[in-house]
Amino acid sequence: MFDTAFSPTELAWDAFVAGHPAGHILQTCRWARLKSAFGWGALLAPVRAGPDAEAPLLGGSSLLLRRLPWGRLLAYVPRGPVVDWTQAECADTIFASLRETCRRRRIGILKIEPELPDTPEVAAQLTAAGFRRSPQRVQPLSTIHVDLSGDEDAILGRMKQKWRYNIRLAERKGVVVRHAALADLPTIQTLMAETAARDRFGVHNLAYHIAAAELFGPPGLLTWLVAEHEGRMLAAIAVFALGARAWYMWGASSDADRNLMPNHALQWAAMRWARARGCTTYDLWGIPDEVGANPTAYAEPQSWGEGGLWGVYRFKQGFGGRIIRYTGAWDLPLSPADYALYRLALRLRPRAEAG
């Protein structure tokens, strides 16, 4: 079993993140615990309104730490920091705390990837704090948010007609969606490997998915949904939820019986699960950034590309969501020497891989 015991400080932080408008599942201590088991270090840097340990939290960061090839550390804040970005003074306090935390730990580079819109105002705010746009990002720049407000008919009504039809078709054809158990994960992993080979993308291993299920499943922050037909698993997806938001993060599907529309059935079941938990937004997690950068230019199907994320976009765009583009990753070079080496390593990496 994975270690799922958390300190009072960690539990208080996760509760704060869950209730904060800028909170994100990737900023929880549970996510840090997951990454810590697979090559990362973790550090929590909360900031309180006063020196008292019971003072209200202003914000802060869950940092992931990675050792660079030359021995120094890079700190990464996925989808954070957690702060009221409209309050410049509060954001500056969080930045100052991050600098001090990194200084004490001899961290050479700080990378943040906040869930902020890609606007000149956001860029100006981060630049003024000493950050510069990073040559390397981790999370998707562009995505689709599905509005879960209203009743189920309202949500279905915002989808394209063909998607509503496919959801109902799956039900008529006998596709059954259920919540998976830990015992289902090896079968799901086989589907993941099949999907990765077909669509040419990397996947986490079985141990990673088991750890995620043990960390997030019991408190109801993660569910694996599987679509079956006559007892055969056709597809599966992992959906996280925290506060008012849910995220579709991982998925897998068989090459067989795709005409039964199991993936449409799964997404609809995930939206219903998220809505029942009180979520008002469902994040479909990643589309081609060309669309996010210029939605008007890609409004019609004939403008879409082939392969890569374009097939994913053809599927996701039919659920009637809103295209979102984030500001991306930003670096704070705390050590100019480390940052110069880091940028050089990124430039050399494609050459090394090509060789």
Protein backbone atom coordinates (compact mmCIF):
# COMPACT_ATOMS: atom_id res chain seq x y z
CA MET A 1 0.00 0.00 0.00
CA PHE A 2 1.07 3.55 -0.73
CA ASP A 3 1.70 5.89 2.23
CA THR A 4 -1.48 7.98 2.51
CA ALA A 5 -0.87 9.49 5.96
CA PHE A 6 -0.74 13.29 5.89
CA SER A 7 0.35 15.82 8.52
CA PRO A 8 -2.07 18.47 9.82
CA THR A 9 -0.12 21.07 7.82
CA GLU A 10 -0.57 19.08 4.61
CA LEU A 11 -4.26 18.49 5.25
CA ALA A 12 -4.80 22.19 5.98
CA TRP A 13 -3.01 23.12 2.76
CA ASP A 14 -5.08 20.74 0.65
CA ALA A 15 -8.28 22.09 2.19
CA PHE A 16 -7.12 25.62 1.38
CA VAL A 17 -6.34 24.67 -2.22
CA ALA A 18 -9.72 22.95 -2.61
CA GLY A 19 -11.57 26.10 -1.54
CA HIS A 20 -9.45 28.68 -3.36
CA PRO A 21 -10.53 30.06 -6.77
CA ALA A 22 -6.96 29.53 -8.03
CA GLY A 23 -6.67 26.06 -6.48
CA HIS A 24 -5.69 23.13 -8.67
CA ILE A 25 -5.34 19.38 -8.15
CA LEU A 26 -1.65 19.66 -9.11
CA GLN A 27 -1.08 22.00 -6.17
CA THR A 28 -2.22 19.49 -3.56
CA CYS A 29 0.10 17.62 -1.22
CA ARG A 30 -1.43 14.42 -2.57
CA TRP A 31 -0.07 15.26 -6.03
CA ALA A 32 3.33 16.07 -4.53
CA ARG A 33 3.27 12.73 -2.67
CA LEU A 34 2.53 10.95 -5.96
CA LYS A 35 5.37 12.67 -7.82
CA SER A 36 7.75 12.07 -4.90
CA ALA A 37 7.36 8.33 -5.41
CA PHE A 38 8.49 8.63 -9.02
CA GLY A 39 11.66 10.69 -9.11
CA TRP A 40 10.72 14.12 -7.78
CA GLY A 41 11.34 15.78 -4.45
CA ALA A 42 8.60 17.84 -2.82
CA LEU A 43 8.46 20.97 -0.71
CA LEU A 44 5.47 22.85 0.69
CA ALA A 45 5.75 26.64 1.04
CA PRO A 46 2.54 28.06 2.56
CA VAL A 47 2.31 31.76 3.42
CA ARG A 48 0.15 32.95 6.31
CA ALA A 49 -1.29 36.37 7.02
CA GLY A 50 0.77 36.67 10.21
CA PRO A 51 3.51 35.02 12.27
CA ASP A 52 1.04 32.94 14.26
CA ALA A 53 0.85 29.31 13.12
CA GLU A 54 -2.94 29.63 13.25
CA ALA A 55 -3.05 32.78 11.09
CA PRO A 56 -5.14 32.42 7.91
CA LEU A 57 -3.36 31.23 4.79
CA LEU A 58 -2.72 33.92 2.17
CA GLY A 59 -1.50 31.49 -0.45
CA GLY A 60 1.65 29.62 -1.30
CA SER A 61 3.06 26.82 -3.39
CA SER A 62 3.58 23.11 -3.52
CA LEU A 63 6.97 22.76 -5.21
CA LEU A 64 8.36 19.74 -7.01
CA LEU A 65 12.15 19.43 -6.98
CA ARG A 66 14.35 17.88 -9.65
CA ARG A 67 18.12 17.41 -9.57
CA LEU A 68 19.78 18.90 -12.63
CA PRO A 69 22.57 16.93 -14.39
CA TRP A 70 25.25 19.16 -12.83
CA GLY A 71 23.95 18.62 -9.32
CA ARG A 72 21.91 21.73 -8.59
CA LEU A 73 18.15 21.82 -8.05
CA LEU A 74 15.26 23.07 -10.18
CA ALA A 75 11.98 23.81 -8.38
CA TYR A 76 8.73 23.53 -10.31
CA VAL A 77 5.33 24.89 -9.25
CA PRO A 78 2.68 23.12 -11.38
CA ARG A 79 -0.47 25.21 -11.91
CA GLY A 80 0.58 27.59 -9.17
CA PRO A 81 1.32 29.45 -6.99
CA VAL A 82 -2.07 29.51 -5.30
CA VAL A 83 -2.85 33.17 -4.68
CA ASP A 84 -5.40 35.85 -5.47
CA TRP A 85 -3.68 37.16 -8.57
CA THR A 86 -5.87 40.26 -8.65
CA GLN A 87 -4.18 41.42 -5.43
CA ALA A 88 -0.72 42.54 -6.59
CA GLU A 89 0.60 43.02 -3.07
CA CYS A 90 -0.46 39.50 -2.08
CA ALA A 91 1.16 38.03 -5.21
CA ASP A 92 4.39 39.92 -4.44
CA THR A 93 4.37 38.44 -0.91
CA ILE A 94 4.09 34.93 -2.37
CA PHE A 95 6.93 35.62 -4.82
CA ALA A 96 9.14 36.91 -2.01
CA SER A 97 8.40 33.78 0.02
CA LEU A 98 9.27 31.57 -2.94
CA ARG A 99 12.57 33.37 -3.45
CA GLU A 100 13.49 32.91 0.20
CA THR A 101 12.46 29.25 0.20
CA CYS A 102 14.61 28.60 -2.86
CA ARG A 103 17.55 30.55 -1.42
CA ARG A 104 17.53 28.44 1.75
CA ARG A 105 17.45 25.23 -0.30
CA ARG A 106 20.15 26.42 -2.74
CA ILE A 107 17.74 26.05 -5.68
CA GLY A 108 19.15 27.54 -8.86
CA ILE A 109 16.01 27.79 -11.01
CA LEU A 110 12.35 28.31 -10.13
CA LYS A 111 9.77 27.39 -12.77
CA ILE A 112 6.10 28.28 -12.33
CA GLU A 113 3.20 27.33 -14.59
CA PRO A 114 0.21 29.27 -13.23
CA GLU A 115 -3.28 28.77 -14.56
CA LEU A 116 -3.49 32.36 -15.75
CA PRO A 117 -4.77 33.59 -19.13
CA ASP A 118 -2.34 34.38 -21.90
CA THR A 119 -2.68 38.18 -21.78
CA PRO A 120 -0.23 41.11 -21.92
CA GLU A 121 -1.30 42.07 -18.39
CA VAL A 122 -0.30 38.69 -16.96
CA ALA A 123 2.99 38.75 -18.87
CA ALA A 124 3.73 42.22 -17.50
CA GLN A 125 2.98 41.12 -13.93
CA LEU A 126 5.28 38.10 -14.11
CA THR A 127 8.04 40.01 -15.90
CA ALA A 128 7.93 42.71 -13.22
CA ALA A 129 8.45 39.97 -10.60
CA GLY A 130 11.65 38.87 -12.35
CA PHE A 131 10.29 35.92 -14.35
CA ARG A 132 10.95 35.27 -18.01
CA ARG A 133 9.11 33.02 -20.43
CA SER A 134 10.47 29.50 -20.20
CA PRO A 135 11.74 27.58 -23.22
CA GLN A 136 10.27 24.45 -21.63
CA ARG A 137 6.69 23.88 -20.47
CA VAL A 138 5.16 20.84 -18.81
CA GLN A 139 1.37 21.32 -18.85
CA PRO A 140 -0.84 21.92 -21.92
CA LEU A 141 -1.01 25.54 -23.04
CA SER A 142 -4.50 25.24 -24.48
CA THR A 143 -7.53 23.28 -23.36
CA ILE A 144 -11.34 23.20 -23.39
CA HIS A 145 -13.53 23.89 -20.36
CA VAL A 146 -17.01 22.39 -20.38
CA ASP A 147 -19.60 24.31 -18.37
CA LEU A 148 -21.42 21.96 -15.98
CA SER A 149 -23.94 24.52 -14.77
CA GLY A 150 -27.65 23.90 -15.27
CA ASP A 151 -29.35 20.54 -15.47
CA GLU A 152 -28.22 17.59 -17.59
CA ASP A 153 -30.40 18.63 -20.51
CA ALA A 154 -28.69 22.03 -20.51
CA ILE A 155 -25.24 20.45 -20.60
CA LEU A 156 -26.26 18.09 -23.40
CA GLY A 157 -27.86 21.01 -25.23
CA ARG A 158 -24.50 22.81 -25.42
CA MET A 159 -22.93 19.80 -27.18
CA LYS A 160 -22.98 19.24 -30.91
CA GLN A 161 -25.94 17.18 -32.08
CA LYS A 162 -23.75 14.29 -33.23
CA TRP A 163 -22.17 14.02 -29.77
CA ARG A 164 -25.58 13.83 -28.09
CA TYR A 165 -26.55 11.15 -30.60
CA ASN A 166 -23.37 9.14 -29.93
CA ILE A 167 -23.92 9.25 -26.16
CA ARG A 168 -27.41 7.83 -26.62
CA LEU A 169 -26.19 5.37 -29.25
CA ALA A 170 -23.69 3.88 -26.82
CA GLU A 171 -26.48 3.30 -24.31
CA ARG A 172 -28.76 1.75 -26.93
CA LYS A 173 -25.97 -0.57 -28.08
CA GLY A 174 -25.50 -1.87 -24.54
CA VAL A 175 -22.34 -0.03 -23.51
CA VAL A 176 -22.18 0.06 -19.72
CA VAL A 177 -20.04 2.56 -17.78
CA ARG A 178 -18.97 1.78 -14.23
CA HIS A 179 -16.43 2.95 -11.66
CA ALA A 180 -13.29 0.84 -11.76
CA ALA A 181 -11.70 -0.92 -8.79
CA LEU A 182 -7.97 -1.29 -8.11
CA ALA A 183 -8.23 -4.81 -9.53
CA ASP A 184 -9.20 -3.32 -12.91
CA LEU A 185 -6.00 -1.28 -13.26
CA PRO A 186 -3.85 -4.03 -14.89
CA THR A 187 -6.47 -4.42 -17.64
CA ILE A 188 -6.69 -0.64 -18.00
CA GLN A 189 -2.89 -0.52 -18.25
CA THR A 190 -3.01 -2.97 -21.15
CA LEU A 191 -5.47 -0.62 -22.88
CA MET A 192 -3.15 2.31 -22.11
CA ALA A 193 -0.25 0.53 -23.82
CA GLU A 194 -2.45 -0.22 -26.85
CA THR A 195 -3.54 3.41 -27.07
CA ALA A 196 0.02 4.71 -26.67
CA ALA A 197 1.26 2.49 -29.51
CA ARG A 198 -1.61 3.56 -31.75
CA ASP A 199 -1.48 7.29 -31.06
CA ARG A 200 2.25 7.59 -30.34
CA PHE A 201 2.34 9.14 -26.89
CA GLY A 202 3.89 8.16 -23.58
CA VAL A 203 1.96 6.77 -20.61
CA HIS A 204 2.66 6.26 -16.93
CA ASN A 205 3.29 2.73 -15.69
CA LEU A 206 0.97 0.56 -13.64
CA ALA A 207 2.67 1.42 -10.34
CA TYR A 208 2.02 5.12 -10.99
CA HIS A 209 -1.67 4.56 -11.66
CA ILE A 210 -2.05 2.34 -8.58
CA ALA A 211 -0.37 5.00 -6.42
CA ALA A 212 -2.65 7.72 -7.82
CA ALA A 213 -5.73 5.57 -7.13
CA GLU A 214 -4.63 4.90 -3.54
CA LEU A 215 -3.86 8.58 -2.88
CA PHE A 216 -6.84 10.24 -4.55
CA GLY A 217 -9.48 7.52 -4.71
CA PRO A 218 -10.55 7.13 -1.05
CA PRO A 219 -11.37 10.84 -0.53
CA GLY A 220 -13.28 10.87 -3.82
CA LEU A 221 -10.83 13.07 -5.71
CA LEU A 222 -10.23 10.54 -8.51
CA THR A 223 -12.33 7.98 -10.29
CA TRP A 224 -11.41 5.59 -13.07
CA LEU A 225 -14.42 4.97 -15.30
CA VAL A 226 -14.54 1.98 -17.63
CA ALA A 227 -16.85 1.37 -20.57
CA GLU A 228 -17.74 -2.25 -21.21
CA HIS A 229 -19.79 -4.19 -23.74
CA GLU A 230 -20.88 -7.73 -23.01
CA GLY A 231 -18.24 -7.93 -20.28
CA ARG A 232 -15.33 -6.68 -22.43
CA MET A 233 -13.54 -3.48 -21.45
CA LEU A 234 -13.52 -1.10 -24.42
CA ALA A 235 -12.17 2.12 -22.90
CA ALA A 236 -11.30 3.80 -19.62
CA ILE A 237 -10.59 7.32 -18.36
CA ALA A 238 -9.23 8.85 -15.15
CA VAL A 239 -11.00 11.97 -13.87
CA PHE A 240 -9.88 14.13 -10.94
CA ALA A 241 -12.07 16.56 -9.01
CA LEU A 242 -11.27 19.23 -6.43
CA GLY A 243 -13.55 22.00 -5.26
CA ALA A 244 -15.60 23.30 -8.16
CA ARG A 245 -13.41 21.82 -10.88
CA ALA A 246 -12.79 18.47 -12.53
CA TRP A 247 -10.08 17.33 -14.95
CA TYR A 248 -10.02 14.51 -17.50
CA MET A 249 -6.37 13.53 -17.31
CA TRP A 250 -5.71 10.04 -18.67
CA GLY A 251 -7.54 7.82 -21.10
CA ALA A 252 -7.26 4.57 -23.02
CA SER A 253 -9.35 2.75 -25.60
CA SER A 254 -9.32 -0.48 -27.56
CA ASP A 255 -9.10 -0.65 -31.33
CA ALA A 256 -12.15 -2.92 -31.26
CA ASP A 257 -15.81 -1.83 -31.30
CA ARG A 258 -15.10 1.88 -31.61
CA ASN A 259 -18.42 2.14 -33.48
CA LEU A 260 -20.15 1.57 -30.12
CA MET A 261 -18.99 5.05 -29.02
CA PRO A 262 -17.58 4.06 -25.62
CA ASN A 263 -15.51 7.24 -25.35
CA HIS A 264 -18.56 9.47 -25.71
CA ALA A 265 -20.30 7.44 -23.01
CA LEU A 266 -17.28 7.77 -20.72
CA GLN A 267 -17.01 11.53 -21.03
CA TRP A 268 -20.70 11.98 -20.34
CA ALA A 269 -20.46 9.71 -17.28
CA ALA A 270 -17.44 11.71 -16.08
CA MET A 271 -19.31 14.99 -16.43
CA ARG A 272 -22.24 13.58 -14.49
CA TRP A 273 -19.89 12.34 -11.74
CA ALA A 274 -18.17 15.71 -11.54
CA ARG A 275 -21.47 17.58 -11.47
CA ALA A 276 -22.76 15.34 -8.67
CA ARG A 277 -19.66 16.32 -6.67
CA GLY A 278 -20.51 20.01 -7.07
CA CYS A 279 -18.09 20.77 -9.90
CA THR A 280 -19.10 23.52 -12.29
CA THR A 281 -16.20 23.20 -14.76
CA TYR A 282 -14.86 20.11 -16.54
CA ASP A 283 -11.39 20.51 -18.07
CA LEU A 284 -10.75 18.29 -21.10
CA TRP A 285 -6.98 18.78 -20.62
CA GLY A 286 -5.16 19.62 -23.80
CA ILE A 287 -5.83 20.55 -27.43
CA PRO A 288 -3.54 21.77 -30.24
CA ASP A 289 -2.09 25.10 -29.17
CA GLU A 290 -2.71 26.53 -32.64
CA VAL A 291 -6.40 26.50 -31.77
CA GLY A 292 -5.88 28.18 -28.41
CA ALA A 293 -3.68 30.87 -29.95
CA ASN A 294 -6.15 31.70 -32.73
CA PRO A 295 -9.57 30.04 -32.31
CA THR A 296 -11.12 32.00 -35.18
CA ALA A 297 -8.63 30.61 -37.68
CA TYR A 298 -9.58 27.05 -36.70
CA ALA A 299 -13.33 27.47 -36.39
CA GLU A 300 -14.07 25.12 -39.31
CA PRO A 301 -13.08 21.43 -39.58
CA GLN A 302 -11.36 21.93 -42.94
CA SER A 303 -8.76 24.09 -41.19
CA TRP A 304 -7.74 21.33 -38.76
CA GLY A 305 -4.62 19.25 -39.18
CA GLU A 306 -4.13 15.49 -39.05
CA GLY A 307 -2.39 13.34 -36.48
CA GLY A 308 -1.03 14.35 -33.11
CA LEU A 309 -3.50 16.28 -30.98
CA TRP A 310 -5.78 17.03 -33.94
CA GLY A 311 -7.63 13.74 -33.59
CA VAL A 312 -8.06 14.50 -29.90
CA TYR A 313 -9.38 17.96 -30.76
CA ARG A 314 -11.94 16.56 -33.21
CA PHE A 315 -13.33 14.50 -30.33
CA LYS A 316 -13.14 17.09 -27.54
CA GLN A 317 -14.53 20.09 -29.39
CA GLY A 318 -17.90 18.42 -29.84
CA PHE A 319 -18.71 18.57 -26.13
CA GLY A 320 -19.54 22.26 -26.39
CA GLY A 321 -16.83 23.75 -24.20
CA ARG A 322 -14.92 27.01 -24.22
CA ILE A 323 -11.38 27.23 -25.60
CA ILE A 324 -8.86 28.44 -22.99
CA ARG A 325 -5.21 29.40 -23.44
CA TYR A 326 -2.86 29.84 -20.48
CA THR A 327 0.25 31.98 -20.12
CA GLY A 328 2.49 28.92 -19.99
CA ALA A 329 5.69 28.32 -18.03
CA TRP A 330 7.85 31.11 -16.59
CA ASP A 331 11.35 30.84 -15.10
CA LEU A 332 13.02 32.78 -12.33
CA PRO A 333 16.81 32.42 -12.80
CA LEU A 334 17.98 32.49 -9.18
CA SER A 335 21.47 31.47 -10.34
CA PRO A 336 22.52 32.95 -13.71
CA ALA A 337 25.10 30.20 -14.17
CA ASP A 338 22.56 27.43 -13.55
CA TYR A 339 20.08 29.05 -15.88
CA ALA A 340 22.65 29.39 -18.67
CA LEU A 341 23.50 25.68 -18.33
CA TYR A 342 19.80 24.79 -18.26
CA ARG A 343 19.06 26.66 -21.49
CA LEU A 344 22.13 25.15 -23.15
CA ALA A 345 21.00 21.65 -22.13
CA LEU A 346 17.57 22.26 -23.65
CA ARG A 347 19.11 23.42 -26.93
CA LEU A 348 21.40 20.38 -27.11
CA ARG A 349 18.73 17.82 -26.21
CA PRO A 350 17.13 17.53 -29.71
CA ARG A 351 20.57 17.03 -31.25
CA ALA A 352 21.38 14.30 -28.74
CA GLU A 353 18.07 12.56 -29.37
CA ALA A 354 18.50 12.84 -33.14
CA GLY A 355 21.92 11.20 -32.85
